[in-house]
Protein backbone atom coordinates (compact mmCIF):
# COMPACT_ATOMS: atom_id res chain seq x y z
CA UNK A 1 9.45 10.56 38.99
CA UNK A 2 11.75 9.21 41.71
CA UNK A 3 14.87 11.09 42.77
CA UNK A 4 16.98 8.24 41.44
CA UNK A 5 15.30 8.60 38.06
CA UNK A 6 15.89 12.34 38.04
CA UNK A 7 19.54 11.88 38.97
CA UNK A 8 20.03 9.34 36.24
CA UNK A 9 18.49 11.70 33.68
CA UNK A 10 15.57 9.47 32.75
CA UNK A 11 13.07 11.43 30.70
CA UNK A 12 9.55 10.13 31.16
CA UNK A 13 6.35 11.35 29.58
CA UNK A 14 3.13 12.06 31.43
CA UNK A 15 0.17 9.86 30.55
CA UNK A 16 -1.65 12.57 28.59
CA UNK A 17 1.53 13.19 26.55
CA UNK A 18 1.84 9.50 25.71
CA UNK A 19 -1.81 9.49 24.66
CA UNK A 20 -1.95 12.72 22.68
CA UNK A 21 1.33 12.98 20.77
CA UNK A 22 0.84 9.70 18.82
CA UNK A 23 -2.34 11.25 17.41
CA UNK A 24 0.06 12.98 15.02
CA UNK A 25 0.32 9.63 13.25
CA UNK A 26 -3.46 9.42 13.20
CA UNK A 27 -3.57 12.86 11.58
CA UNK A 28 -1.24 11.78 8.78
CA UNK A 29 -2.91 8.37 8.43
CA UNK A 30 -6.11 10.20 7.51
CA UNK A 31 -4.21 11.26 4.40
CA UNK A 32 -2.78 7.77 4.03
CA UNK A 33 -6.34 6.68 3.24
CA UNK A 34 -7.53 9.92 1.65
CA UNK A 35 -4.59 10.14 -0.75
CA UNK A 36 -2.38 7.07 -0.94
CA UNK A 37 -5.30 4.62 -1.00
CA UNK A 38 -7.34 6.55 -3.59
CA UNK A 39 -4.99 8.79 -5.58
CA UNK A 40 -4.45 6.26 -8.40
CA UNK A 41 -8.20 5.57 -8.65
CA UNK A 42 -8.90 9.31 -8.69
CA UNK A 43 -6.35 9.97 -11.43
CA UNK A 44 -7.44 7.01 -13.55
CA UNK A 45 -11.21 7.00 -13.13
CA UNK A 46 -12.11 10.63 -12.35
CA UNK A 47 -9.51 12.64 -14.26
CA UNK A 48 -9.25 9.98 -17.02
CA UNK A 49 -5.45 9.98 -16.87
CA UNK A 50 -3.64 6.88 -18.08
CA UNK A 51 -3.99 3.99 -15.64
CA UNK A 52 -0.27 3.36 -15.48
CA UNK A 53 0.54 7.08 -15.35
CA UNK A 54 -1.62 7.66 -12.29
CA UNK A 55 -0.06 4.67 -10.51
CA UNK A 56 3.56 5.02 -11.62
CA UNK A 57 3.71 8.79 -11.10
CA UNK A 58 3.00 8.35 -7.40
CA UNK A 59 6.09 6.16 -7.07
CA UNK A 60 8.24 8.18 -9.48
CA UNK A 61 7.68 11.25 -7.30
CA UNK A 62 9.83 9.55 -4.68
CA UNK A 63 12.89 10.52 -6.74
CA UNK A 64 12.12 14.10 -5.71
CA UNK A 65 11.79 12.99 -2.09
CA UNK A 66 15.36 11.68 -2.15
CA UNK A 67 16.35 15.35 -2.46
CA UNK A 68 13.67 17.15 -0.47
CA UNK A 69 13.46 14.82 2.54
CA UNK A 70 17.10 15.23 3.70
CA UNK A 71 16.72 19.02 3.29
CA UNK A 72 13.58 19.00 5.45
CA UNK A 73 15.34 16.76 8.00
CA UNK A 74 18.33 19.11 8.14
CA UNK A 75 16.01 22.09 8.54
CA UNK A 76 14.26 20.37 11.45
CA UNK A 77 17.55 19.53 13.15
CA UNK A 78 18.59 23.18 12.92
CA UNK A 79 15.25 24.53 14.15
CA UNK A 80 15.06 25.68 17.75
CA UNK A 81 12.77 28.68 17.83
CA UNK A 82 10.12 30.10 20.07
CA UNK A 83 7.70 27.28 19.25
CA UNK A 84 10.23 24.47 19.60
CA UNK A 85 11.66 22.04 17.06
CA UNK A 86 8.69 19.86 16.10
CA UNK A 87 5.46 21.85 16.60
CA UNK A 88 6.04 24.24 13.65
CA UNK A 89 6.58 21.34 11.25
CA UNK A 90 3.43 19.59 12.46
CA UNK A 91 1.23 22.65 11.99
CA UNK A 92 2.73 23.83 8.69
CA UNK A 93 2.74 20.31 7.23
CA UNK A 94 -0.92 19.77 8.04
CA UNK A 95 -1.89 23.12 6.51
CA UNK A 96 0.00 22.33 3.30
CA UNK A 97 -1.71 18.96 2.95
CA UNK A 98 -5.18 20.39 3.61
CA UNK A 99 -4.92 23.12 0.96
CA UNK A 100 -3.33 20.93 -1.71
CA UNK A 101 -5.88 18.10 -1.36
CA UNK A 102 -8.87 20.44 -1.30
CA UNK A 103 -7.72 21.86 -4.62
CA UNK A 104 -6.76 18.45 -6.07
CA UNK A 105 -10.01 16.64 -5.25
CA UNK A 106 -12.33 19.64 -5.44
CA UNK A 107 -11.16 21.73 -8.39
CA UNK A 108 -9.09 19.60 -10.82
CA UNK A 109 -12.15 17.54 -11.96
CA UNK A 110 -13.59 20.84 -13.22
CA UNK A 111 -10.77 21.23 -15.74
CA UNK A 112 -12.31 20.48 -19.17
CA UNK A 113 -11.40 17.16 -20.76
CA UNK A 114 -10.20 19.12 -23.78
CA UNK A 115 -7.42 20.55 -21.57
CA UNK A 116 -6.03 17.16 -20.56
CA UNK A 117 -2.52 18.61 -20.33
CA UNK A 118 -3.75 20.89 -17.52
CA UNK A 119 -5.20 17.90 -15.66
CA UNK A 120 -1.86 16.12 -15.85
CA UNK A 121 0.02 19.22 -14.69
CA UNK A 122 -2.37 19.92 -11.80
CA UNK A 123 -2.34 16.27 -10.70
CA UNK A 124 1.47 16.12 -10.57
CA UNK A 125 1.99 19.59 -9.12
CA UNK A 126 -0.59 19.35 -6.34
CA UNK A 127 0.54 15.85 -5.41
CA UNK A 128 4.13 17.10 -5.14
CA UNK A 129 3.05 19.95 -2.83
CA UNK A 130 1.05 17.49 -0.73
CA UNK A 131 4.11 15.25 -0.37
CA UNK A 132 6.13 18.15 1.07
CA UNK A 133 3.48 18.69 3.74
CA UNK A 134 3.25 14.95 4.40
CA UNK A 135 7.02 14.82 5.00
CA UNK A 136 6.85 17.81 7.36
CA UNK A 137 4.32 16.13 9.62
CA UNK A 138 5.13 12.41 9.36
CA UNK A 139 8.80 12.96 10.20
CA UNK A 140 7.72 14.55 13.50
CA UNK A 141 5.99 11.31 14.56
CA UNK A 142 9.33 9.51 14.33
CA UNK A 143 11.71 12.21 15.52
CA UNK A 144 9.50 13.71 18.24
CA UNK A 145 9.65 10.53 20.29
CA UNK A 146 13.25 11.31 21.19
CA UNK A 147 12.08 14.20 23.39
CA UNK A 148 8.85 12.58 24.57
CA UNK A 149 10.49 9.76 26.55
CA UNK A 150 13.67 7.71 26.64
CA UNK A 151 12.38 5.18 29.17
CA UNK A 152 12.67 1.67 27.61
CA UNK A 153 9.46 0.67 29.40
CA UNK A 154 7.50 3.67 28.13
CA UNK A 155 8.56 3.66 24.51
CA UNK A 156 6.76 0.42 23.62
CA UNK A 157 3.55 2.01 24.91
CA UNK A 158 3.84 4.42 22.01
CA UNK A 159 2.81 1.53 19.73
CA UNK A 160 -0.53 1.13 21.52
CA UNK A 161 -1.39 4.84 21.59
CA UNK A 162 -0.07 5.18 18.06
CA UNK A 163 -2.51 2.46 17.00
CA UNK A 164 -5.38 4.24 18.73
CA UNK A 165 -4.42 7.33 16.77
CA UNK A 166 -4.24 5.31 13.56
CA UNK A 167 -7.70 3.87 14.19
CA UNK A 168 -9.07 7.36 14.78
CA UNK A 169 -7.51 8.44 11.50
CA UNK A 170 -7.10 5.56 9.10
CA UNK A 171 -9.73 3.27 10.64
CA UNK A 172 -12.52 5.83 10.66
CA UNK A 173 -11.75 6.85 7.08
CA UNK A 174 -11.69 3.22 5.92
CA UNK A 175 -15.03 2.66 7.63
CA UNK A 176 -16.64 5.85 6.35
CA UNK A 177 -15.40 5.81 2.73
CA UNK A 178 -17.31 2.73 1.45
CA UNK A 179 -20.50 3.93 3.15
CA UNK A 180 -20.11 7.33 1.48
CA UNK A 181 -19.31 5.72 -1.90
CA UNK A 182 -22.76 4.07 -1.96
CA UNK A 183 -24.34 7.51 -2.21
CA UNK A 184 -22.63 8.35 -5.48
CA UNK A 185 -23.21 6.76 -8.86
CA UNK A 186 -19.95 5.09 -9.81
CA UNK A 187 -18.75 4.81 -6.19
CA UNK A 188 -15.01 5.38 -5.99
CA UNK A 189 -15.05 6.59 -9.61
CA UNK A 190 -17.29 9.56 -8.80
CA UNK A 191 -15.88 13.09 -8.52
CA UNK A 192 -18.57 13.81 -5.92
CA UNK A 193 -17.23 11.05 -3.68
CA UNK A 194 -13.79 12.67 -3.53
CA UNK A 195 -15.22 16.18 -3.20
CA UNK A 196 -17.20 15.05 -0.13
CA UNK A 197 -14.60 12.78 1.45
CA UNK A 198 -11.77 15.34 1.36
CA UNK A 199 -13.28 17.95 3.76
CA UNK A 200 -14.29 15.23 6.22
CA UNK A 201 -10.75 13.84 6.31
CA UNK A 202 -9.15 17.28 6.49
CA UNK A 203 -11.21 18.38 9.50
CA UNK A 204 -10.44 15.10 11.29
CA UNK A 205 -6.72 15.51 10.57
CA UNK A 206 -6.67 19.11 11.86
CA UNK A 207 -8.32 18.08 15.15
CA UNK A 208 -5.86 15.22 15.68
CA UNK A 209 -2.92 17.52 14.86
CA UNK A 210 -4.00 20.08 17.46
CA UNK A 211 -4.23 17.35 20.11
CA UNK A 212 -0.79 16.02 19.13
CA UNK A 213 0.74 19.49 19.42
CA UNK A 214 -0.70 19.77 22.93
CA UNK A 215 0.86 16.39 23.72
CA UNK A 216 4.42 17.43 22.80
CA UNK A 217 4.21 21.08 23.85
CA UNK A 218 5.96 20.71 27.23
CA UNK A 219 8.70 18.40 25.91
CA UNK A 220 9.53 20.41 22.77
CA UNK A 221 12.37 22.40 24.34
CA UNK A 222 16.20 22.34 24.23
CA UNK A 223 16.84 20.51 27.50
CA UNK A 224 15.47 17.36 25.89
CA UNK A 225 17.52 17.73 22.67
CA UNK A 226 20.22 15.04 22.85
CA UNK A 227 23.33 15.33 25.02
CA UNK A 228 24.18 18.96 24.42
CA UNK A 229 20.75 20.58 24.39
CA UNK A 230 21.17 24.10 23.02
CA UNK A 231 24.88 23.40 22.61
CA UNK A 232 24.22 20.52 20.21
CA UNK A 233 26.56 20.68 17.25
CA UNK A 234 25.00 21.65 13.92
CA UNK A 235 25.35 18.85 11.40
CA UNK A 236 25.98 19.65 7.74
CA UNK A 237 23.80 18.03 5.09
CA UNK A 238 26.95 16.53 3.55
CA UNK A 239 27.57 14.58 6.77
CA UNK A 240 24.25 12.76 6.73
CA UNK A 241 25.28 10.11 4.23
CA UNK A 242 28.29 9.18 6.36
CA UNK A 243 26.18 9.15 9.52
CA UNK A 244 23.63 6.75 8.03
CA UNK A 245 26.44 4.63 6.62
CA UNK A 246 27.79 4.16 10.14
CA UNK A 247 24.40 3.64 11.80
CA UNK A 248 23.89 -0.04 11.02
CA UNK A 249 20.75 -0.47 13.16
CA UNK A 250 19.03 2.31 11.20
CA UNK A 251 19.85 0.61 7.92
CA UNK A 252 18.29 -2.64 9.08
CA UNK A 253 15.28 -0.87 10.57
CA UNK A 254 14.62 0.88 7.26
CA UNK A 255 14.42 -2.52 5.57
CA UNK A 256 12.18 -3.92 8.30
CA UNK A 257 9.97 -0.84 8.23
CA UNK A 258 9.69 -1.09 4.46
CA UNK A 259 8.70 -4.75 4.78
CA UNK A 260 5.93 -4.22 7.32
CA UNK A 261 4.63 -1.12 5.53
CA UNK A 262 4.62 -2.79 2.11
CA UNK A 263 2.60 -5.69 3.47
CA UNK A 264 0.04 -3.34 5.00
CA UNK A 265 -0.12 -1.01 1.98
CA UNK A 266 -0.71 -3.65 -0.69
CA UNK A 267 -2.95 -6.00 1.28
CA UNK A 268 -5.14 -3.02 2.33
CA UNK A 269 -5.14 -1.34 -1.08
CA UNK A 270 -8.71 -0.42 -2.06
CA UNK A 271 -8.38 -1.93 -5.53
CA UNK A 272 -7.11 -5.25 -4.14
CA UNK A 273 -10.00 -5.45 -1.65
CA UNK A 274 -12.51 -4.56 -4.37
CA UNK A 275 -11.17 -7.43 -6.50
CA UNK A 276 -11.18 -9.88 -3.57
CA UNK A 277 -14.50 -9.14 -1.87
CA UNK A 278 -16.37 -7.68 -4.83
CA UNK A 279 -15.20 -9.16 -8.14
CA UNK A 280 -14.20 -12.61 -6.81
CA UNK A 281 -16.58 -13.16 -3.90
CA UNK A 282 -19.43 -11.07 -5.31
CA UNK A 283 -20.35 -9.45 -1.98
CA UNK A 284 -18.18 -6.38 -1.40
CA UNK A 285 -20.80 -4.59 0.70
CA UNK A 286 -21.35 -7.67 2.84
CA UNK A 287 -17.69 -8.64 3.29
CA UNK A 288 -15.46 -5.53 3.30
CA UNK A 289 -16.61 -3.89 6.53
CA UNK A 290 -17.10 -7.17 8.49
CA UNK A 291 -13.61 -8.35 7.52
CA UNK A 292 -12.09 -4.98 8.37
CA UNK A 293 -13.75 -4.97 11.79
CA UNK A 294 -12.70 -8.59 12.27
CA UNK A 295 -9.06 -7.67 11.62
CA UNK A 296 -9.18 -4.85 14.16
CA UNK A 297 -10.78 -7.12 16.78
CA UNK A 298 -8.05 -9.73 16.31
CA UNK A 299 -5.37 -7.02 16.54
CA UNK A 300 -6.32 -5.96 20.08
CA UNK A 301 -4.77 -8.94 21.93
CA UNK A 302 -1.70 -8.77 19.70
CA UNK A 303 -1.13 -5.12 20.60
CA UNK A 304 -1.23 -5.98 24.29
CA UNK A 305 1.06 -8.98 23.78
CA UNK A 306 3.51 -7.03 21.61
CA UNK A 307 3.85 -4.22 24.17
CA UNK A 308 4.43 -6.73 26.96
CA UNK A 309 7.06 -8.53 24.90
CA UNK A 310 8.73 -5.20 24.04
CA UNK A 311 8.93 -4.17 27.69
CA UNK A 312 10.42 -7.50 28.75
CA UNK A 313 12.71 -8.39 25.84
CA UNK A 314 12.94 -5.26 23.71
CA UNK A 315 11.19 -4.10 20.56
CA UNK A 316 13.29 -6.26 18.25
CA UNK A 317 12.06 -9.45 19.93
CA UNK A 318 8.45 -8.31 19.72
CA UNK A 319 8.64 -7.33 16.04
CA UNK A 320 10.21 -10.60 14.90
CA UNK A 321 7.89 -12.76 17.00
CA UNK A 322 4.61 -11.36 15.68
CA UNK A 323 5.75 -10.89 12.10
CA UNK A 324 6.54 -14.61 12.18
CA UNK A 325 2.99 -15.33 13.37
CA UNK A 326 1.59 -13.29 10.46
CA UNK A 327 3.81 -15.08 7.96
CA UNK A 328 2.70 -18.53 9.13
CA UNK A 329 -1.00 -17.60 9.12
CA UNK A 330 -0.86 -16.14 5.64
CA UNK A 331 0.36 -19.45 4.31
CA UNK A 332 -3.16 -20.63 5.18
CA UNK A 333 -4.75 -17.59 3.49
CA UNK A 334 -2.62 -18.27 0.40
CA UNK A 335 -3.82 -21.88 0.20
CA UNK A 336 -7.48 -20.89 0.67
CA UNK A 337 -7.37 -18.30 -2.10
CA UNK A 338 -5.61 -20.78 -4.37
CA UNK A 339 -8.58 -23.15 -3.85
CA UNK A 340 -11.14 -20.45 -4.62
CA UNK A 341 -13.63 -21.11 -7.40
CA UNK A 342 -13.71 -24.90 -7.18
CA UNK A 343 -17.39 -24.89 -6.32
CA UNK A 344 -19.69 -23.10 -3.88
CA UNK A 345 -17.86 -24.64 -0.92
CA UNK A 346 -14.71 -22.70 -1.83
CA UNK A 347 -16.26 -19.27 -1.61
CA UNK A 348 -16.53 -16.65 1.17
CA UNK A 349 -20.05 -16.54 2.56
CA UNK A 350 -21.34 -14.65 5.59
CA UNK A 351 -24.98 -13.88 4.85
CA UNK A 352 -27.51 -15.68 2.70
CA UNK A 353 -31.16 -15.07 1.80
CA UNK A 354 -32.29 -16.67 5.06
CA UNK A 355 -29.71 -15.06 7.33
CA UNK A 356 -26.32 -16.31 8.47
CA UNK A 357 -24.68 -18.66 5.94
CA UNK A 358 -21.09 -19.44 6.93
CA UNK A 359 -19.27 -22.40 5.39
CA UNK A 360 -16.05 -24.14 6.45
CA UNK A 361 -14.04 -22.18 3.86
CA UNK A 362 -15.18 -18.91 5.47
CA UNK A 363 -14.44 -20.15 9.00
CA UNK A 364 -10.88 -21.11 8.02
CA UNK A 365 -10.40 -17.79 6.20
CA UNK A 366 -11.59 -15.86 9.26
CA UNK A 367 -9.14 -17.74 11.49
CA UNK A 368 -6.09 -17.50 9.24
CA UNK A 369 -6.82 -13.97 8.05
CA UNK A 370 -7.94 -12.70 11.46
CA UNK A 371 -4.91 -13.97 13.38
CA UNK A 372 -2.51 -13.05 10.59
CA UNK A 373 -3.97 -9.56 10.15
CA UNK A 374 -4.06 -9.00 13.90
CA UNK A 375 -0.39 -9.95 14.21
CA UNK A 376 0.87 -7.87 11.30
CA UNK A 377 -1.34 -4.87 12.06
CA UNK A 378 0.11 -4.85 15.57
CA UNK A 379 3.63 -4.77 14.10
CA UNK A 380 3.03 -2.45 11.13
CA UNK A 381 3.82 0.69 13.15
CA UNK A 382 6.24 -0.94 15.59
CA UNK A 383 9.29 0.36 13.69
CA UNK A 384 8.15 3.93 14.47
CA UNK A 385 9.22 3.93 18.16
CA UNK A 386 12.31 1.99 17.10
CA UNK A 387 13.39 5.04 15.05
CA UNK A 388 13.80 6.87 18.36
CA UNK A 389 16.08 4.04 19.53
CA UNK A 390 18.21 4.46 16.40
CA UNK A 391 18.35 8.21 16.96
CA UNK A 392 19.46 7.71 20.58
CA UNK A 393 22.03 5.19 19.33
CA UNK A 394 23.42 7.85 16.97
CA UNK A 395 23.72 10.26 19.89
CA UNK A 396 25.47 7.51 21.86
CA UNK A 397 27.76 6.65 18.92
CA UNK A 398 28.72 10.10 17.63
CA UNK A 399 27.30 12.63 20.08
CA UNK A 400 25.10 14.11 17.36
CA UNK A 401 21.39 14.71 17.95
CA UNK A 402 19.73 14.45 14.53
CA UNK A 403 16.12 13.27 15.02
CA UNK A 404 15.06 15.27 11.97
CA UNK A 405 17.17 13.35 9.49
CA UNK A 406 16.24 10.05 11.17
CA UNK A 407 12.56 10.92 10.95
CA UNK A 408 12.69 12.07 7.33
CA UNK A 409 14.72 9.05 6.27
CA UNK A 410 12.07 6.78 7.70
CA UNK A 411 9.35 8.99 6.25
CA UNK A 412 11.02 8.59 2.86
CA UNK A 413 10.88 4.81 3.20
CA UNK A 414 7.26 5.06 4.36
CA UNK A 415 6.25 7.14 1.34
CA UNK A 416 8.28 5.10 -1.11
CA UNK A 417 6.68 1.85 -0.01
CA UNK A 418 3.18 3.32 0.31
CA UNK A 419 3.33 4.76 -3.19
CA UNK A 420 5.01 1.63 -4.54
CA UNK A 421 1.87 -0.27 -3.61
CA UNK A 422 -0.17 1.88 -6.02
CA UNK A 423 2.32 1.23 -8.82
CA UNK A 424 2.43 -2.52 -8.17
CA UNK A 425 -1.37 -2.73 -8.17
CA UNK A 426 -1.64 -0.58 -11.28
CA UNK A 427 0.84 -2.72 -13.21
CA UNK A 428 -0.72 -5.96 -11.96
CA UNK A 429 -4.22 -5.15 -13.27
CA UNK A 430 -2.85 -4.33 -16.73
CA UNK A 431 -1.66 -7.93 -17.04
CA UNK A 432 -5.28 -9.10 -17.08
CA UNK A 433 -6.27 -6.56 -19.73
CA UNK A 434 -7.97 -3.88 -17.62
CA UNK A 435 -7.70 -0.25 -18.73
CA UNK A 436 -8.98 1.22 -15.45
CA UNK A 437 -8.60 0.13 -11.84
CA UNK A 438 -11.51 -2.17 -10.92
CA UNK A 439 -14.07 -1.06 -8.36
CA UNK A 440 -16.57 -3.03 -6.30
CA UNK A 441 -19.08 -2.82 -9.15
CA UNK A 442 -16.90 -4.43 -11.84
CA UNK A 443 -17.36 -8.09 -12.89
CA UNK A 444 -14.76 -10.79 -12.40
CA UNK A 445 -12.06 -10.88 -15.08
CA UNK A 446 -10.16 -14.11 -15.87
CA UNK A 447 -6.82 -14.13 -14.06
CA UNK A 448 -7.99 -11.74 -11.35
CA UNK A 449 -7.72 -14.49 -8.72
CA UNK A 450 -4.01 -14.87 -9.50
CA UNK A 451 -3.50 -11.11 -9.19
CA UNK A 452 -5.29 -11.11 -5.82
CA UNK A 453 -3.22 -14.04 -4.53
CA UNK A 454 0.00 -12.28 -5.49
CA UNK A 455 -1.01 -8.89 -4.10
CA UNK A 456 -2.99 -9.96 -1.04
CA UNK A 457 -0.68 -12.81 0.07
CA UNK A 458 2.55 -13.44 -1.82
CA UNK A 459 4.05 -9.92 -1.75
CA UNK A 460 3.21 -9.31 1.93
CA UNK A 461 4.73 -12.70 2.81
CA UNK A 462 7.94 -11.82 0.96
CA UNK A 463 7.99 -8.44 2.72
CA UNK A 464 7.69 -10.11 6.13
CA UNK A 465 10.50 -12.52 5.23
CA UNK A 466 12.70 -9.51 4.39
CA UNK A 467 11.78 -7.97 7.74
CA UNK A 468 12.84 -11.09 9.65
CA UNK A 469 16.15 -11.29 7.77
CA UNK A 470 16.90 -7.61 8.45
CA UNK A 471 16.09 -7.90 12.14
CA UNK A 472 18.38 -10.88 12.59
CA UNK A 473 21.40 -8.56 12.75
CA UNK A 474 19.68 -5.65 14.50
CA UNK A 475 21.82 -4.88 17.56
CA UNK A 476 19.53 -2.62 19.62
CA UNK A 477 18.11 -5.21 22.00
CA UNK A 478 16.35 -4.30 25.23
CA UNK A 479 19.56 -4.61 27.25
CA UNK A 480 21.57 -2.56 24.76
CA UNK A 481 19.04 0.28 24.90
CA UNK A 482 19.28 0.40 28.69
CA UNK A 483 23.04 0.84 28.37
CA UNK A 484 22.68 3.51 25.69
CA UNK A 485 20.22 5.56 27.76
CA UNK A 486 22.41 5.34 30.86
CA UNK A 487 25.54 6.46 29.00
CA UNK A 488 23.69 9.28 27.25
CA UNK A 489 22.23 10.48 30.56
CA UNK A 490 25.66 10.56 32.20
CA UNK A 491 27.16 12.50 29.29
CA UNK A 492 24.21 14.91 29.23
CA UNK A 493 24.64 15.76 32.91
CA UNK A 494 28.38 16.24 32.44
CA UNK A 495 27.88 18.63 29.50
CA UNK A 496 25.25 20.55 31.48
CA UNK A 497 27.85 20.85 34.25
CA UNK A 498 30.38 22.49 31.94
CA UNK A 499 32.31 19.58 30.41
CA UNK A 500 32.83 19.63 26.66
CA UNK A 501 30.93 17.13 24.56
CA UNK A 502 34.18 15.65 23.25
CA UNK A 503 35.51 15.05 26.77
CA UNK A 504 32.22 13.50 27.92
CA UNK A 505 32.19 11.19 24.89
CA UNK A 506 35.75 10.09 25.58
CA UNK A 507 35.29 9.58 29.35
CA UNK A 508 32.09 7.49 29.29
CA UNK A 509 31.78 4.91 26.53
CA UNK A 510 30.33 1.84 28.28
CA UNK A 511 27.96 1.25 31.15
CA UNK A 512 30.81 -0.20 33.26
CA UNK A 513 32.46 3.24 33.38
CA UNK A 514 29.42 5.06 34.75
CA UNK A 515 28.80 6.22 38.34
CA UNK A 516 26.48 3.92 40.29
CA UNK A 517 23.46 6.24 40.14
CA UNK A 518 23.23 5.70 36.36
CA UNK A 519 23.29 1.92 36.55
CA UNK A 520 20.83 1.25 39.40
CA UNK A 521 17.64 -0.56 38.47
CA UNK A 522 14.43 1.21 39.43
């Protein structure tokens, strides 16, 4: 770091820290697949709970999160012990999730069918415990960035390394699960599938968590905690509502984050993909993995482009640009799926009896889906580093350093939307008369194509439209963030030198009032 950077209070991360800490998101994304993608199928098909109960309960549990998440956020903001602010929550959260899911997937299927009440109770109770652990760890991904780096050129890099972490977690699980399912009669409806998948995911999540803890270890100390460091004022839980009410960028980011997450959650839902590639196209084993790999391949250039755009014009510009690309491309996917079934030419085909058998319909689907998926997958986690911007804006606006409540608020939105996808899918399949969630082995049911169009295309497109509308009034542009970081750095140095926080807040409010060393370009 240059002397000028040190003087100006710029906090930069080392390369290994930028690489390792985002693996925390990979650790929790293992459970995103392990639990949020399969929990409704497990409850409905393995435990024989009501189809709607298993789906709706996952969303209804979010009412509890509205109470527990702010408490966890407040606890994090008040934590400053021997092991830092974030590391304890990462480790404890991961342990809670591991134990609860091992019991849920491994032991609850052994409860006799005659004791159905016990199955219901265990399903709800263990899922609730898991959610607490999930909140502990996921909120650290968002809030921990505030201590990792405040450099506007480094923060967008978090998206790339975060995606690598996601691929190590979510991507590997998505790749491994269908291969594992083939070994069990009934596939995703087999208790053995869940009993085998759970330990694999848990071990992977533990390894990624340990690496993430190493990544944040050096930065998880008071001198990186806001303006005041150890002197940071303790915020009462009752103040949080007023703080969020005043933080307009955070409000808009929550809507945008919900939009991008909803699109990813529903379009990637296992049941939706089983209906599309299996029930409709009749070739789940031949289409699911190739299409998933195709989406990841297309996402690579978009990740590079999005980071470059973020560094030049800010993260808002990057998010809106590539969400727009996804929205336009999915118009093409929508049209193609609407034409499905009008003959063999309007059907996905990759392999035939004599080898490769690709038709024009498949080529167009690959182009529209590949580019659209690549664009929206590159933006799906982009709001995560933007949470750190909103947290820094709150420090700039009020002097309060509350990354915990910012992280848990965004985690609440993440969980609400992720679980909402299970409820939406569960309700949708009941409209076509199904009593259980369809798997890759089920036949096509009349009306299923309409359900797939709505879930795979229409809802994600509406979610992206909501994201674009929310971002229109988002004020934290690239230039604004440079000003915020400069003002915060000046105030931080003044407080460290003995000035009160109130006096520092009053003396320096805009970049024009700062000494020259805080405004020089590097």
